[in-house]
Amino acid sequence: MRSNSHASPQKLILITAAKNEEALIGQTLASVVSQSLRPLEWVIVDDGSTDRTRTIVQEFAEKYSWIQLVAKPCRSERDFAAVVHAIDTGISACRAKDYDYVGLIDADLRFESNYFQAIIQHLENHPRSGLVGGMVVDVGDSKDQLPTNRQDVPGASQFFKRACFEAVLPLIAIPEGGWDAITCAKARMAGFETCLLTDYIVDHLKPRNVAHGGMVKRTWQFGVRDYALGYHPLYESLKCLGRIKNRPYIVGAAVWMLGYLTSALKRRQRYIPEDFLTFLRAEQINRIHHTISRCWPF
């Protein structure tokens, strides 16, 4: 018997891209079906898994009518752009048309049963807000260390008002990753506010990008990503300086910066629009000025 119980305002749709998540996707599925506010539809795109991911999702889909599994052909490689392509597939497959909110969530998360309700309530209570999400904490990391940047919302859990989501489309798939940073900046370009809601914790059940290598390789890749996104050199330098206190101490910050500098020296190709680059760098310079004026007021 397929179930569609629990009260729902019929306003929210969810899109999830998944690949080889058999160990963790069950916890994400359990978190979603236990929500006090359930989505109108949840499209889970299996991006060519070779494990039991599809089977696990299908078992839930047979029980809950609002879960839809979309299976893509198997492929051996993993790349950062694939997430965007899978999300695009999910958007196209979504049958619901009368919705007000869109949630993009990863397949390896866990959150409290009131999470969706709190997120939607925030969007409803703040007219200018267009994109929000909870604080995503990787397994093993401290939940007490709050990020200084409260404008950028991790792609693991992004929730949009429909008008904002349509404004950031099309999503930009770049090989180095960072599509979530682009959606945040594009939302602000369109006049919406973006906000990280640190009162709501989202457990990320494995380190981000763990499938792409060990800690050093992933840290290097973050620097490559920042260059690809067009981060201002001064902003990137200060960002890496601030990461010296994070594990692995000093080494992580140095490797991150080296990834950025190596990409700059190679003049690595960027795939972002010029207006986005101009807007992003202006924002970053403004943040630097704001930080300086706050710490050393004249």
Foldseek 3Di string as FASTA:
>chain_A
DADADADEPQAEEEEEEDAQCVPALLQVLVQQVLANYHYQAYEYEYEAHPDCPVVSQVVNCVHHVRYHYHYDHHDDDDFQLVRLVSRVVRVVPDPDDRHFKYKYAYSHKHFHRHQVVVVVVVCVVDVQAFKEFEAEDEPPDDLPDDDPDFQQDDNNIMMGGPVLVVQLPPQDRDRLHDSSVSSSLSSVVVRGGGGHDSVTYMYRHHDPPVVVDDDLVVLLSLLLVCVLQQEDPVLLLVVLVVCCPPPVHPSSSVSSVVSNVVCVVVVPDHDDDPVSNVSNHVVSVVVVVVVCCVVPPD
